[in-house]
Amino acid sequence: MKKVEIILILLVAVAIAIIFGFTANASTYGNFSQAFDSEGKTFTVVGKLDKESPIKSQANLVVFNMIDKEGKACKVYLNQTVPEHFDRSDNVVITGKASRDKEAFMATEVQLKCPSKYNDEK
């Protein structure tokens, strides 16, 4: 084989490895029931903050309750500080995994969807 062919084969192998690396870390959108049924898999869950229950925060841990789109409530542990305007958000999008005891959701990321400032005031 020529050197050019060997280099092309190596480049293709590296490209395939990079693609597999990105897809291995990808999360799936779902709800809490799906996350608890798929132990160890990363899920992205969209829902609303349960404003009836308190938000507990320590140094780098936030504990709150969230209700997914299906209406199931779950306790969420987030290993970050409390995001700004967290209690005023309309929707919350969290990414993480279900706990092993299937009692809580361990979030690694959170995105807040705040009410639109462009809505007409009534």
PDB file of N, CA and C in Angstrom:
ATOM      1  N   MET A   1       0.839  -1.190   0.000  1.00  0.00           N
ATOM      2  CA  MET A   1       0.000   0.000   0.000  1.00  0.00           C
ATOM      3  C   MET A   1       0.876   1.242   0.000  1.00  0.00           C
ATOM      4  N   LYS A   2       0.296   2.259  -0.570  1.00  0.00           N
ATOM      5  CA  LYS A   2       1.010   3.527  -0.601  1.00  0.00           C
ATOM      6  C   LYS A   2       0.784   4.281   0.704  1.00  0.00           C
ATOM      7  N   LYS A   3       1.640   5.236   0.967  1.00  0.00           N
ATOM      8  CA  LYS A   3       1.537   6.030   2.188  1.00  0.00           C
ATOM      9  C   LYS A   3       0.232   6.822   2.218  1.00  0.00           C
ATOM     10  N   VAL A   4      -0.209   7.301   1.075  1.00  0.00           N
ATOM     11  CA  VAL A   4      -1.447   8.081   1.000  1.00  0.00           C
ATOM     12  C   VAL A   4      -2.649   7.227   1.404  1.00  0.00           C
ATOM     13  N   GLU A   5      -2.682   5.974   0.952  1.00  0.00           N
ATOM     14  CA  GLU A   5      -3.775   5.069   1.301  1.00  0.00           C
ATOM     15  C   GLU A   5      -3.793   4.778   2.801  1.00  0.00           C
ATOM     16  N   ILE A   6      -2.636   4.577   3.382  1.00  0.00           N
ATOM     17  CA  ILE A   6      -2.548   4.310   4.826  1.00  0.00           C
ATOM     18  C   ILE A   6      -3.043   5.525   5.612  1.00  0.00           C
ATOM     19  N   ILE A   7      -2.658   6.722   5.197  1.00  0.00           N
ATOM     20  CA  ILE A   7      -3.092   7.947   5.888  1.00  0.00           C
ATOM     21  C   ILE A   7      -4.597   8.115   5.771  1.00  0.00           C
ATOM     22  N   LEU A   8      -5.160   7.832   4.602  1.00  0.00           N
ATOM     23  CA  LEU A   8      -6.613   7.940   4.422  1.00  0.00           C
ATOM     24  C   LEU A   8      -7.362   6.940   5.302  1.00  0.00           C
ATOM     25  N   ILE A   9      -6.862   5.729   5.402  1.00  0.00           N
ATOM     26  CA  ILE A   9      -7.492   4.723   6.263  1.00  0.00           C
ATOM     27  C   ILE A   9      -7.444   5.171   7.720  1.00  0.00           C
ATOM     28  N   LEU A  10      -6.318   5.718   8.149  1.00  0.00           N
ATOM     29  CA  LEU A  10      -6.210   6.217   9.518  1.00  0.00           C
ATOM     30  C   LEU A  10      -7.164   7.390   9.766  1.00  0.00           C
ATOM     31  N   LEU A  11      -7.296   8.295   8.804  1.00  0.00           N
ATOM     32  CA  LEU A  11      -8.219   9.421   8.955  1.00  0.00           C
ATOM     33  C   LEU A  11      -9.667   8.953   9.058  1.00  0.00           C
ATOM     34  N   VAL A  12     -10.037   7.964   8.267  1.00  0.00           N
ATOM     35  CA  VAL A  12     -11.392   7.418   8.340  1.00  0.00           C
ATOM     36  C   VAL A  12     -11.619   6.766   9.707  1.00  0.00           C
ATOM     37  N   ALA A  13     -10.650   6.036  10.205  1.00  0.00           N
ATOM     38  CA  ALA A  13     -10.775   5.390  11.515  1.00  0.00           C
ATOM     39  C   ALA A  13     -10.921   6.430  12.628  1.00  0.00           C
ATOM     40  N   VAL A  14     -10.159   7.501  12.555  1.00  0.00           N
ATOM     41  CA  VAL A  14     -10.259   8.569  13.559  1.00  0.00           C
ATOM     42  C   VAL A  14     -11.627   9.244  13.478  1.00  0.00           C
ATOM     43  N   ALA A  15     -12.120   9.486  12.267  1.00  0.00           N
ATOM     44  CA  ALA A  15     -13.433  10.113  12.102  1.00  0.00           C
ATOM     45  C   ALA A  15     -14.541   9.235  12.689  1.00  0.00           C
ATOM     46  N   ILE A  16     -14.469   7.943  12.461  1.00  0.00           N
ATOM     47  CA  ILE A  16     -15.465   7.013  13.023  1.00  0.00           C
ATOM     48  C   ILE A  16     -15.391   7.014  14.543  1.00  0.00           C
ATOM     49  N   ALA A  17     -14.196   7.021  15.104  1.00  0.00           N
ATOM     50  CA  ALA A  17     -14.037   7.048  16.563  1.00  0.00           C
ATOM     51  C   ALA A  17     -14.625   8.329  17.151  1.00  0.00           C
ATOM     52  N   ILE A  18     -14.438   9.450  16.487  1.00  0.00           N
ATOM     53  CA  ILE A  18     -14.986  10.721  16.971  1.00  0.00           C
ATOM     54  C   ILE A  18     -16.511  10.689  16.933  1.00  0.00           C
ATOM     55  N   ILE A  19     -17.080  10.165  15.865  1.00  0.00           N
ATOM     56  CA  ILE A  19     -18.544  10.083  15.756  1.00  0.00           C
ATOM     57  C   ILE A  19     -19.113   9.197  16.852  1.00  0.00           C
ATOM     58  N   PHE A  20     -18.507   8.042  17.105  1.00  0.00           N
ATOM     59  CA  PHE A  20     -18.971   7.167  18.179  1.00  0.00           C
ATOM     60  C   PHE A  20     -18.810   7.826  19.545  1.00  0.00           C
ATOM     61  N   GLY A  21     -17.773   8.589  19.729  1.00  0.00           N
ATOM     62  CA  GLY A  21     -17.571   9.291  20.998  1.00  0.00           C
ATOM     63  C   GLY A  21     -18.656  10.315  21.271  1.00  0.00           C
ATOM     64  N   PHE A  22     -19.081  11.044  20.247  1.00  0.00           N
ATOM     65  CA  PHE A  22     -20.147  12.029  20.430  1.00  0.00           C
ATOM     66  C   PHE A  22     -21.489  11.368  20.684  1.00  0.00           C
ATOM     67  N   THR A  23     -21.794  10.281  19.992  1.00  0.00           N
ATOM     68  CA  THR A  23     -23.091   9.638  20.178  1.00  0.00           C
ATOM     69  C   THR A  23     -23.174   8.876  21.492  1.00  0.00           C
ATOM     70  N   ALA A  24     -22.056   8.458  22.044  1.00  0.00           N
ATOM     71  CA  ALA A  24     -22.078   7.744  23.319  1.00  0.00           C
ATOM     72  C   ALA A  24     -22.484   8.662  24.461  1.00  0.00           C
ATOM     73  N   ASN A  25     -22.156   9.942  24.359  1.00  0.00           N
ATOM     74  CA  ASN A  25     -22.486  10.892  25.415  1.00  0.00           C
ATOM     75  C   ASN A  25     -23.808  11.608  25.180  1.00  0.00           C
ATOM     76  N   ALA A  26     -24.504  11.279  24.136  1.00  0.00           N
ATOM     77  CA  ALA A  26     -25.763  11.962  23.820  1.00  0.00           C
ATOM     78  C   ALA A  26     -26.860  11.495  24.767  1.00  0.00           C
ATOM     79  N   SER A  27     -27.772  12.400  25.068  1.00  0.00           N
ATOM     80  CA  SER A  27     -28.884  12.049  25.937  1.00  0.00           C
ATOM     81  C   SER A  27     -30.159  11.938  25.109  1.00  0.00           C
ATOM     82  N   THR A  28     -31.150  11.293  25.688  1.00  0.00           N
ATOM     83  CA  THR A  28     -32.432  11.079  25.048  1.00  0.00           C
ATOM     84  C   THR A  28     -33.485  11.906  25.771  1.00  0.00           C
ATOM     85  N   TYR A  29     -34.355  12.576  25.014  1.00  0.00           N
ATOM     86  CA  TYR A  29     -35.460  13.284  25.642  1.00  0.00           C
ATOM     87  C   TYR A  29     -36.493  12.267  26.099  1.00  0.00           C
ATOM     88  N   GLY A  30     -37.024  12.481  27.280  1.00  0.00           N
ATOM     89  CA  GLY A  30     -38.029  11.578  27.815  1.00  0.00           C
ATOM     90  C   GLY A  30     -38.664  12.168  29.049  1.00  0.00           C
ATOM     91  N   ASN A  31     -39.322  11.310  29.820  1.00  0.00           N
ATOM     92  CA  ASN A  31     -39.932  11.730  31.072  1.00  0.00           C
ATOM     93  C   ASN A  31     -39.318  10.919  32.217  1.00  0.00           C
ATOM     94  N   PHE A  32     -39.789  11.178  33.432  1.00  0.00           N
ATOM     95  CA  PHE A  32     -39.197  10.503  34.583  1.00  0.00           C
ATOM     96  C   PHE A  32     -39.429   8.992  34.538  1.00  0.00           C
ATOM     97  N   SER A  33     -40.591   8.550  34.080  1.00  0.00           N
ATOM     98  CA  SER A  33     -40.868   7.111  34.006  1.00  0.00           C
ATOM     99  C   SER A  33     -39.875   6.413  33.091  1.00  0.00           C
ATOM    100  N   GLN A  34     -39.603   6.995  31.936  1.00  0.00           N
ATOM    101  CA  GLN A  34     -38.646   6.398  31.011  1.00  0.00           C
ATOM    102  C   GLN A  34     -37.242   6.398  31.604  1.00  0.00           C
ATOM    103  N   ALA A  35     -36.887   7.462  32.308  1.00  0.00           N
ATOM    104  CA  ALA A  35     -35.553   7.543  32.911  1.00  0.00           C
ATOM    105  C   ALA A  35     -35.373   6.471  33.984  1.00  0.00           C
ATOM    106  N   PHE A  36     -36.410   6.240  34.794  1.00  0.00           N
ATOM    107  CA  PHE A  36     -36.302   5.236  35.845  1.00  0.00           C
ATOM    108  C   PHE A  36     -36.340   3.818  35.291  1.00  0.00           C
ATOM    109  N   ASP A  37     -36.944   3.628  34.125  1.00  0.00           N
ATOM    110  CA  ASP A  37     -36.966   2.308  33.502  1.00  0.00           C
ATOM    111  C   ASP A  37     -35.645   1.971  32.810  1.00  0.00           C
ATOM    112  N   SER A  38     -34.854   2.979  32.480  1.00  0.00           N
ATOM    113  CA  SER A  38     -33.578   2.779  31.766  1.00  0.00           C
ATOM    114  C   SER A  38     -32.426   3.170  32.670  1.00  0.00           C
ATOM    115  N   GLU A  39     -32.056   2.278  33.567  1.00  0.00           N
ATOM    116  CA  GLU A  39     -31.008   2.572  34.546  1.00  0.00           C
ATOM    117  C   GLU A  39     -29.668   2.824  33.856  1.00  0.00           C
ATOM    118  N   GLY A  40     -29.004   3.898  34.254  1.00  0.00           N
ATOM    119  CA  GLY A  40     -27.686   4.220  33.748  1.00  0.00           C
ATOM    120  C   GLY A  40     -27.673   5.030  32.471  1.00  0.00           C
ATOM    121  N   LYS A  41     -28.814   5.242  31.854  1.00  0.00           N
ATOM    122  CA  LYS A  41     -28.867   5.993  30.600  1.00  0.00           C
ATOM    123  C   LYS A  41     -29.155   7.459  30.906  1.00  0.00           C
ATOM    124  N   THR A  42     -28.519   8.352  30.157  1.00  0.00           N
ATOM    125  CA  THR A  42     -28.700   9.784  30.353  1.00  0.00           C
ATOM    126  C   THR A  42     -29.967  10.244  29.639  1.00  0.00           C
ATOM    127  N   PHE A  43     -30.804  10.986  30.369  1.00  0.00           N
ATOM    128  CA  PHE A  43     -32.050  11.500  29.821  1.00  0.00           C
ATOM    129  C   PHE A  43     -32.121  13.009  29.993  1.00  0.00           C
ATOM    130  N   THR A  44     -32.826  13.660  29.093  1.00  0.00           N
ATOM    131  CA  THR A  44     -33.175  15.064  29.209  1.00  0.00           C
ATOM    132  C   THR A  44     -34.674  15.131  29.448  1.00  0.00           C
ATOM    133  N   VAL A  45     -35.067  15.720  30.566  1.00  0.00           N
ATOM    134  CA  VAL A  45     -36.470  15.773  30.960  1.00  0.00           C
ATOM    135  C   VAL A  45     -36.922  17.226  30.988  1.00  0.00           C
ATOM    136  N   VAL A  46     -38.065  17.490  30.365  1.00  0.00           N
ATOM    137  CA  VAL A  46     -38.652  18.826  30.346  1.00  0.00           C
ATOM    138  C   VAL A  46     -39.842  18.818  31.294  1.00  0.00           C
ATOM    139  N   GLY A  47     -39.946  19.847  32.117  1.00  0.00           N
ATOM    140  CA  GLY A  47     -41.062  19.924  33.044  1.00  0.00           C
ATOM    141  C   GLY A  47     -41.146  21.290  33.690  1.00  0.00           C
ATOM    142  N   LYS A  48     -41.916  21.323  34.771  1.00  0.00           N
ATOM    143  CA  LYS A  48     -42.110  22.568  35.512  1.00  0.00           C
ATOM    144  C   LYS A  48     -41.607  22.386  36.936  1.00  0.00           C
ATOM    145  N   LEU A  49     -41.101  23.447  37.486  1.00  0.00           N
ATOM    146  CA  LEU A  49     -40.672  23.461  38.871  1.00  0.00           C
ATOM    147  C   LEU A  49     -41.902  23.376  39.765  1.00  0.00           C
ATOM    148  N   ASP A  50     -41.883  22.468  40.727  1.00  0.00           N
ATOM    149  CA  ASP A  50     -42.979  22.352  41.687  1.00  0.00           C
ATOM    150  C   ASP A  50     -42.820  23.467  42.710  1.00  0.00           C
ATOM    151  N   LYS A  51     -43.574  24.532  42.541  1.00  0.00           N
ATOM    152  CA  LYS A  51     -43.424  25.711  43.393  1.00  0.00           C
ATOM    153  C   LYS A  51     -44.061  25.542  44.762  1.00  0.00           C
ATOM    154  N   GLU A  52     -44.799  24.443  44.960  1.00  0.00           N
ATOM    155  CA  GLU A  52     -45.397  24.159  46.263  1.00  0.00           C
ATOM    156  C   GLU A  52     -44.362  23.600  47.244  1.00  0.00           C
ATOM    157  N   SER A  53     -43.328  22.973  46.733  1.00  0.00           N
ATOM    158  CA  SER A  53     -42.306  22.395  47.604  1.00  0.00           C
ATOM    159  C   SER A  53     -41.101  23.332  47.673  1.00  0.00           C
ATOM    160  N   PRO A  54     -40.400  23.322  48.787  1.00  0.00           N
ATOM    161  CA  PRO A  54     -39.262  24.245  48.941  1.00  0.00           C
ATOM    162  C   PRO A  54     -38.058  23.829  48.105  1.00  0.00           C
ATOM    163  N   ILE A  55     -37.252  24.818  47.771  1.00  0.00           N
ATOM    164  CA  ILE A  55     -35.983  24.588  47.094  1.00  0.00           C
ATOM    165  C   ILE A  55     -34.894  24.635  48.156  1.00  0.00           C
ATOM    166  N   LYS A  56     -34.183  23.540  48.317  1.00  0.00           N
ATOM    167  CA  LYS A  56     -33.128  23.462  49.325  1.00  0.00           C
ATOM    168  C   LYS A  56     -31.786  23.592  48.622  1.00  0.00           C
ATOM    169  N   SER A  57     -30.918  24.429  49.168  1.00  0.00           N
ATOM    170  CA  SER A  57     -29.602  24.581  48.550  1.00  0.00           C
ATOM    171  C   SER A  57     -28.524  24.616  49.616  1.00  0.00           C
ATOM    172  N   GLN A  58     -27.408  23.979  49.285  1.00  0.00           N
ATOM    173  CA  GLN A  58     -26.208  24.022  50.100  1.00  0.00           C
ATOM    174  C   GLN A  58     -25.104  24.561  49.211  1.00  0.00           C
ATOM    175  N   ALA A  59     -23.871  24.306  49.533  1.00  0.00           N
ATOM    176  CA  ALA A  59     -22.746  24.878  48.791  1.00  0.00           C
ATOM    177  C   ALA A  59     -22.851  24.609  47.289  1.00  0.00           C
ATOM    178  N   ASN A  60     -22.795  23.393  46.878  1.00  0.00           N
ATOM    179  CA  ASN A  60     -22.883  23.048  45.460  1.00  0.00           C
ATOM    180  C   ASN A  60     -23.937  21.967  45.231  1.00  0.00           C
ATOM    181  N   LEU A  61     -25.044  22.061  45.931  1.00  0.00           N
ATOM    182  CA  LEU A  61     -26.120  21.088  45.774  1.00  0.00           C
ATOM    183  C   LEU A  61     -27.454  21.798  45.904  1.00  0.00           C
ATOM    184  N   VAL A  62     -28.317  21.574  44.915  1.00  0.00           N
ATOM    185  CA  VAL A  62     -29.667  22.121  44.927  1.00  0.00           C
ATOM    186  C   VAL A  62     -30.629  20.940  44.876  1.00  0.00           C
ATOM    187  N   VAL A  63     -31.603  20.926  45.766  1.00  0.00           N
ATOM    188  CA  VAL A  63     -32.610  19.872  45.790  1.00  0.00           C
ATOM    189  C   VAL A  63     -33.965  20.536  45.583  1.00  0.00           C
ATOM    190  N   PHE A  64     -34.693  20.069  44.583  1.00  0.00           N
ATOM    191  CA  PHE A  64     -36.008  20.626  44.288  1.00  0.00           C
ATOM    192  C   PHE A  64     -36.895  19.545  43.698  1.00  0.00           C
ATOM    193  N   ASN A  65     -38.180  19.811  43.654  1.00  0.00           N
ATOM    194  CA  ASN A  65     -39.130  18.894  43.035  1.00  0.00           C
ATOM    195  C   ASN A  65     -39.540  19.446  41.686  1.00  0.00           C
ATOM    196  N   MET A  66     -39.701  18.550  40.738  1.00  0.00           N
ATOM    197  CA  MET A  66     -40.063  18.937  39.378  1.00  0.00           C
ATOM    198  C   MET A  66     -41.176  18.018  38.894  1.00  0.00           C
ATOM    199  N   ILE A  67     -42.060  18.556  38.084  1.00  0.00           N
ATOM    200  CA  ILE A  67     -43.160  17.788  37.501  1.00  0.00           C
ATOM    201  C   ILE A  67     -42.928  17.728  35.996  1.00  0.00           C
ATOM    202  N   ASP A  68     -42.820  16.507  35.449  1.00  0.00           N
ATOM    203  CA  ASP A  68     -42.562  16.371  34.014  1.00  0.00           C
ATOM    204  C   ASP A  68     -43.841  16.594  33.206  1.00  0.00           C
ATOM    205  N   LYS A  69     -43.734  16.506  31.892  1.00  0.00           N
ATOM    206  CA  LYS A  69     -44.864  16.759  30.993  1.00  0.00           C
ATOM    207  C   LYS A  69     -45.995  15.754  31.176  1.00  0.00           C
ATOM    208  N   GLU A  70     -45.692  14.583  31.723  1.00  0.00           N
ATOM    209  CA  GLU A  70     -46.700  13.555  31.962  1.00  0.00           C
ATOM    210  C   GLU A  70     -47.395  13.734  33.309  1.00  0.00           C
ATOM    211  N   GLY A  71     -46.916  14.685  34.115  1.00  0.00           N
ATOM    212  CA  GLY A  71     -47.532  14.951  35.416  1.00  0.00           C
ATOM    213  C   GLY A  71     -46.901  14.219  36.581  1.00  0.00           C
ATOM    214  N   LYS A  72     -45.806  13.502  36.351  1.00  0.00           N
ATOM    215  CA  LYS A  72     -45.139  12.773  37.433  1.00  0.00           C
ATOM    216  C   LYS A  72     -44.159  13.699  38.142  1.00  0.00           C
ATOM    217  N   ALA A  73     -44.266  13.754  39.454  1.00  0.00           N
ATOM    218  CA  ALA A  73     -43.366  14.578  40.266  1.00  0.00           C
ATOM    219  C   ALA A  73     -42.174  13.738  40.708  1.00  0.00           C
ATOM    220  N   CYS A  74     -41.020  14.392  40.813  1.00  0.00           N
ATOM    221  CA  CYS A  74     -39.814  13.699  41.216  1.00  0.00           C
ATOM    222  C   CYS A  74     -38.879  14.677  41.920  1.00  0.00           C
ATOM    223  N   LYS A  75     -38.141  14.167  42.881  1.00  0.00           N
ATOM    224  CA  LYS A  75     -37.121  14.962  43.555  1.00  0.00           C
ATOM    225  C   LYS A  75     -35.875  14.968  42.682  1.00  0.00           C
ATOM    226  N   VAL A  76     -35.291  16.152  42.503  1.00  0.00           N
ATOM    227  CA  VAL A  76     -34.125  16.313  41.633  1.00  0.00           C
ATOM    228  C   VAL A  76     -32.963  16.850  42.457  1.00  0.00           C
ATOM    229  N   TYR A  77     -31.802  16.228  42.289  1.00  0.00           N
ATOM    230  CA  TYR A  77     -30.565  16.686  42.909  1.00  0.00           C
ATOM    231  C   TYR A  77     -29.686  17.255  41.809  1.00  0.00           C
ATOM    232  N   LEU A  78     -29.283  18.510  41.959  1.00  0.00           N
ATOM    233  CA  LEU A  78     -28.441  19.185  40.982  1.00  0.00           C
ATOM    234  C   LEU A  78     -27.136  19.574  41.657  1.00  0.00           C
ATOM    235  N   ASN A  79     -26.015  19.103  41.128  1.00  0.00           N
ATOM    236  CA  ASN A  79     -24.698  19.381  41.713  1.00  0.00           C
ATOM    237  C   ASN A  79     -24.138  20.694  41.178  1.00  0.00           C
ATOM    238  N   GLN A  80     -24.840  21.778  41.419  1.00  0.00           N
ATOM    239  CA  GLN A  80     -24.429  23.121  41.036  1.00  0.00           C
ATOM    240  C   GLN A  80     -25.001  24.095  42.062  1.00  0.00           C
ATOM    241  N   THR A  81     -24.639  25.333  41.912  1.00  0.00           N
ATOM    242  CA  THR A  81     -25.273  26.361  42.724  1.00  0.00           C
ATOM    243  C   THR A  81     -26.637  26.692  42.125  1.00  0.00           C
ATOM    244  N   VAL A  82     -27.466  27.377  42.877  1.00  0.00           N
ATOM    245  CA  VAL A  82     -28.803  27.720  42.402  1.00  0.00           C
ATOM    246  C   VAL A  82     -28.689  28.680  41.220  1.00  0.00           C
ATOM    247  N   PRO A  83     -29.278  28.311  40.076  1.00  0.00           N
ATOM    248  CA  PRO A  83     -29.233  29.222  38.929  1.00  0.00           C
ATOM    249  C   PRO A  83     -30.008  30.507  39.218  1.00  0.00           C
ATOM    250  N   GLU A  84     -29.584  31.584  38.601  1.00  0.00           N
ATOM    251  CA  GLU A  84     -30.245  32.871  38.788  1.00  0.00           C
ATOM    252  C   GLU A  84     -31.672  32.801  38.252  1.00  0.00           C
ATOM    253  N   HIS A  85     -32.610  33.382  38.970  1.00  0.00           N
ATOM    254  CA  HIS A  85     -34.039  33.420  38.627  1.00  0.00           C
ATOM    255  C   HIS A  85     -34.637  32.020  38.515  1.00  0.00           C
ATOM    256  N   PHE A  86     -34.110  31.085  39.268  1.00  0.00           N
ATOM    257  CA  PHE A  86     -34.568  29.695  39.214  1.00  0.00           C
ATOM    258  C   PHE A  86     -36.042  29.579  39.597  1.00  0.00           C
ATOM    259  N   ASP A  87     -36.443  30.285  40.638  1.00  0.00           N
ATOM    260  CA  ASP A  87     -37.818  30.165  41.122  1.00  0.00           C
ATOM    261  C   ASP A  87     -38.831  30.879  40.229  1.00  0.00           C
ATOM    262  N   ARG A  88     -38.388  31.692  39.275  1.00  0.00           N
ATOM    263  CA  ARG A  88     -39.302  32.409  38.389  1.00  0.00           C
ATOM    264  C   ARG A  88     -39.448  31.746  37.019  1.00  0.00           C
ATOM    265  N   SER A  89     -38.804  30.630  36.811  1.00  0.00           N
ATOM    266  CA  SER A  89     -38.818  30.004  35.484  1.00  0.00           C
ATOM    267  C   SER A  89     -40.145  29.297  35.232  1.00  0.00           C
ATOM    268  N   ASP A  90     -40.563  29.320  33.964  1.00  0.00           N
ATOM    269  CA  ASP A  90     -41.768  28.595  33.562  1.00  0.00           C
ATOM    270  C   ASP A  90     -41.480  27.115  33.405  1.00  0.00           C
ATOM    271  N   ASN A  91     -40.516  26.805  32.582  1.00  0.00           N
ATOM    272  CA  ASN A  91     -40.138  25.412  32.327  1.00  0.00           C
ATOM    273  C   ASN A  91     -38.687  25.194  32.706  1.00  0.00           C
ATOM    274  N   VAL A  92     -38.404  23.968  33.104  1.00  0.00           N
ATOM    275  CA  VAL A  92     -37.052  23.578  33.467  1.00  0.00           C
ATOM    276  C   VAL A  92     -36.680  22.371  32.612  1.00  0.00           C
ATOM    277  N   VAL A  93     -35.491  22.402  32.037  1.00  0.00           N
ATOM    278  CA  VAL A  93     -34.981  21.279  31.253  1.00  0.00           C
ATOM    279  C   VAL A  93     -33.740  20.770  31.975  1.00  0.00           C
ATOM    280  N   ILE A  94     -33.799  19.512  32.420  1.00  0.00           N
ATOM    281  CA  ILE A  94     -32.679  18.929  33.151  1.00  0.00           C
ATOM    282  C   ILE A  94     -32.123  17.733  32.381  1.00  0.00           C
ATOM    283  N   THR A  95     -30.833  17.519  32.535  1.00  0.00           N
ATOM    284  CA  THR A  95     -30.165  16.373  31.921  1.00  0.00           C
ATOM    285  C   THR A  95     -29.438  15.617  33.018  1.00  0.00           C
ATOM    286  N   GLY A  96     -29.605  14.319  33.046  1.00  0.00           N
ATOM    287  CA  GLY A  96     -28.953  13.497  34.056  1.00  0.00           C
ATOM    288  C   GLY A  96     -29.450  12.070  34.020  1.00  0.00           C
ATOM    289  N   LYS A  97     -29.304  11.388  35.150  1.00  0.00           N
ATOM    290  CA  LYS A  97     -29.671   9.974  35.244  1.00  0.00           C
ATOM    291  C   LYS A  97     -30.524   9.737  36.474  1.00  0.00           C
ATOM    292  N   ALA A  98     -31.317   8.689  36.411  1.00  0.00           N
ATOM    293  CA  ALA A  98     -32.115   8.280  37.570  1.00  0.00           C
ATOM    294  C   ALA A  98     -31.191   7.672  38.616  1.00  0.00           C
ATOM    295  N   SER A  99     -31.513   7.891  39.879  1.00  0.00           N
ATOM    296  CA  SER A  99     -30.697   7.309  40.943  1.00  0.00           C
ATOM    297  C   SER A  99     -30.884   5.799  40.967  1.00  0.00           C
ATOM    298  N   ARG A 100     -29.952   5.108  41.556  1.00  0.00           N
ATOM    299  CA  ARG A 100     -30.009   3.647  41.588  1.00  0.00           C
ATOM    300  C   ARG A 100     -31.197   3.129  42.386  1.00  0.00           C
ATOM    301  N   ASP A 101     -31.582   3.867  43.422  1.00  0.00           N
ATOM    302  CA  ASP A 101     -32.721   3.429  44.222  1.00  0.00           C
ATOM    303  C   ASP A 101     -34.057   3.856  43.605  1.00  0.00           C
ATOM    304  N   LYS A 102     -33.994   4.544  42.468  1.00  0.00           N
ATOM    305  CA  LYS A 102     -35.167   4.988  41.706  1.00  0.00           C
ATOM    306  C   LYS A 102     -36.082   5.890  42.532  1.00  0.00           C
ATOM    307  N   GLU A 103     -35.467   6.664  43.413  1.00  0.00           N
ATOM    308  CA  GLU A 103     -36.209   7.603  44.250  1.00  0.00           C
ATOM    309  C   GLU A 103     -36.039   9.044  43.791  1.00  0.00           C
ATOM    310  N   ALA A 104     -34.959   9.326  43.065  1.00  0.00           N
ATOM    311  CA  ALA A 104     -34.650  10.706  42.687  1.00  0.00           C
ATOM    312  C   ALA A 104     -33.948  10.724  41.334  1.00  0.00           C
ATOM    313  N   PHE A 105     -33.807  11.925  40.793  1.00  0.00           N
ATOM    314  CA  PHE A 105     -33.123  12.131  39.515  1.00  0.00           C
ATOM    315  C   PHE A 105     -31.879  12.949  39.792  1.00  0.00           C
ATOM    316  N   MET A 106     -30.732  12.467  39.328  1.00  0.00           N
ATOM    317  CA  MET A 106     -29.461  13.141  39.562  1.00  0.00           C
ATOM    318  C   MET A 106     -29.121  13.967  38.318  1.00  0.00           C
ATOM    319  N   ALA A 107     -29.340  15.270  38.380  1.00  0.00           N
ATOM    320  CA  ALA A 107     -29.140  16.146  37.228  1.00  0.00           C
ATOM    321  C   ALA A 107     -27.709  16.657  37.186  1.00  0.00           C
ATOM    322  N   THR A 108     -27.186  16.753  35.978  1.00  0.00           N
ATOM    323  CA  THR A 108     -25.852  17.308  35.772  1.00  0.00           C
ATOM    324  C   THR A 108     -25.921  18.666  35.088  1.00  0.00           C
ATOM    325  N   GLU A 109     -27.033  18.934  34.395  1.00  0.00           N
ATOM    326  CA  GLU A 109     -27.222  20.213  33.706  1.00  0.00           C
ATOM    327  C   GLU A 109     -28.650  20.682  33.910  1.00  0.00           C
ATOM    328  N   VAL A 110     -28.826  21.986  33.883  1.00  0.00           N
ATOM    329  CA  VAL A 110     -30.170  22.558  33.958  1.00  0.00           C
ATOM    330  C   VAL A 110     -30.240  23.760  33.023  1.00  0.00           C
ATOM    331  N   GLN A 111     -31.378  23.882  32.356  1.00  0.00           N
ATOM    332  CA  GLN A 111     -31.649  25.040  31.518  1.00  0.00           C
ATOM    333  C   GLN A 111     -33.004  25.585  31.945  1.00  0.00           C
ATOM    334  N   LEU A 112     -33.078  26.878  32.089  1.00  0.00           N
ATOM    335  CA  LEU A 112     -34.322  27.512  32.509  1.00  0.00           C
ATOM    336  C   LEU A 112     -35.007  28.143  31.313  1.00  0.00           C
ATOM    337  N   LYS A 113     -36.285  27.948  31.217  1.00  0.00           N
ATOM    338  CA  LYS A 113     -37.097  28.557  30.169  1.00  0.00           C
ATOM    339  C   LYS A 113     -38.013  29.554  30.864  1.00  0.00           C
ATOM    340  N   CYS A 114     -37.647  30.817  30.788  1.00  0.00           N
ATOM    341  CA  CYS A 114     -38.380  31.866  31.495  1.00  0.00           C
ATOM    342  C   CYS A 114     -39.536  32.377  30.646  1.00  0.00           C
ATOM    343  N   PRO A 115     -40.507  33.025  31.289  1.00  0.00           N
ATOM    344  CA  PRO A 115     -41.625  33.582  30.528  1.00  0.00           C
ATOM    345  C   PRO A 115     -41.121  34.626  29.540  1.00  0.00           C
ATOM    346  N   SER A 116     -41.778  34.677  28.412  1.00  0.00           N
ATOM    347  CA  SER A 116     -41.343  35.595  27.368  1.00  0.00           C
ATOM    348  C   SER A 116     -41.626  37.026  27.774  1.00  0.00           C
ATOM    349  N   LYS A 117     -40.663  37.900  27.549  1.00  0.00           N
ATOM    350  CA  LYS A 117     -40.865  39.313  27.857  1.00  0.00           C
ATOM    351  C   LYS A 117     -41.592  40.017  26.727  1.00  0.00           C
ATOM    352  N   TYR A 118     -41.895  39.277  25.665  1.00  0.00           N
ATOM    353  CA  TYR A 118     -42.558  39.884  24.517  1.00  0.00           C
ATOM    354  C   TYR A 118     -44.062  39.639  24.510  1.00  0.00           C
ATOM    355  N   ASN A 119     -44.582  38.886  25.500  1.00  0.00           N
ATOM    356  CA  ASN A 119     -46.025  38.671  25.574  1.00  0.00           C
ATOM    357  C   ASN A 119     -46.729  39.963  25.895  1.00  0.00           C
ATOM    358  N   ASP A 120     -47.924  40.136  25.344  1.00  0.00           N
ATOM    359  CA  ASP A 120     -48.718  41.333  25.654  1.00  0.00           C
ATOM    360  C   ASP A 120     -49.182  41.282  27.095  1.00  0.00           C
ATOM    361  N   GLU A 121     -49.074  42.410  27.765  1.00  0.00           N
ATOM    362  CA  GLU A 121     -49.551  42.492  29.143  1.00  0.00           C
ATOM    363  C   GLU A 121     -51.046  42.727  29.131  1.00  0.00           C
ATOM    364  N   LYS A 122     -51.740  42.041  30.024  1.00  0.00           N
ATOM    365  CA  LYS A 122     -53.209  42.191  30.075  1.00  0.00           C
ATOM    366  C   LYS A 122     -53.604  42.979  31.287  1.00  0.00           C
TER     367      LYS A 122
END
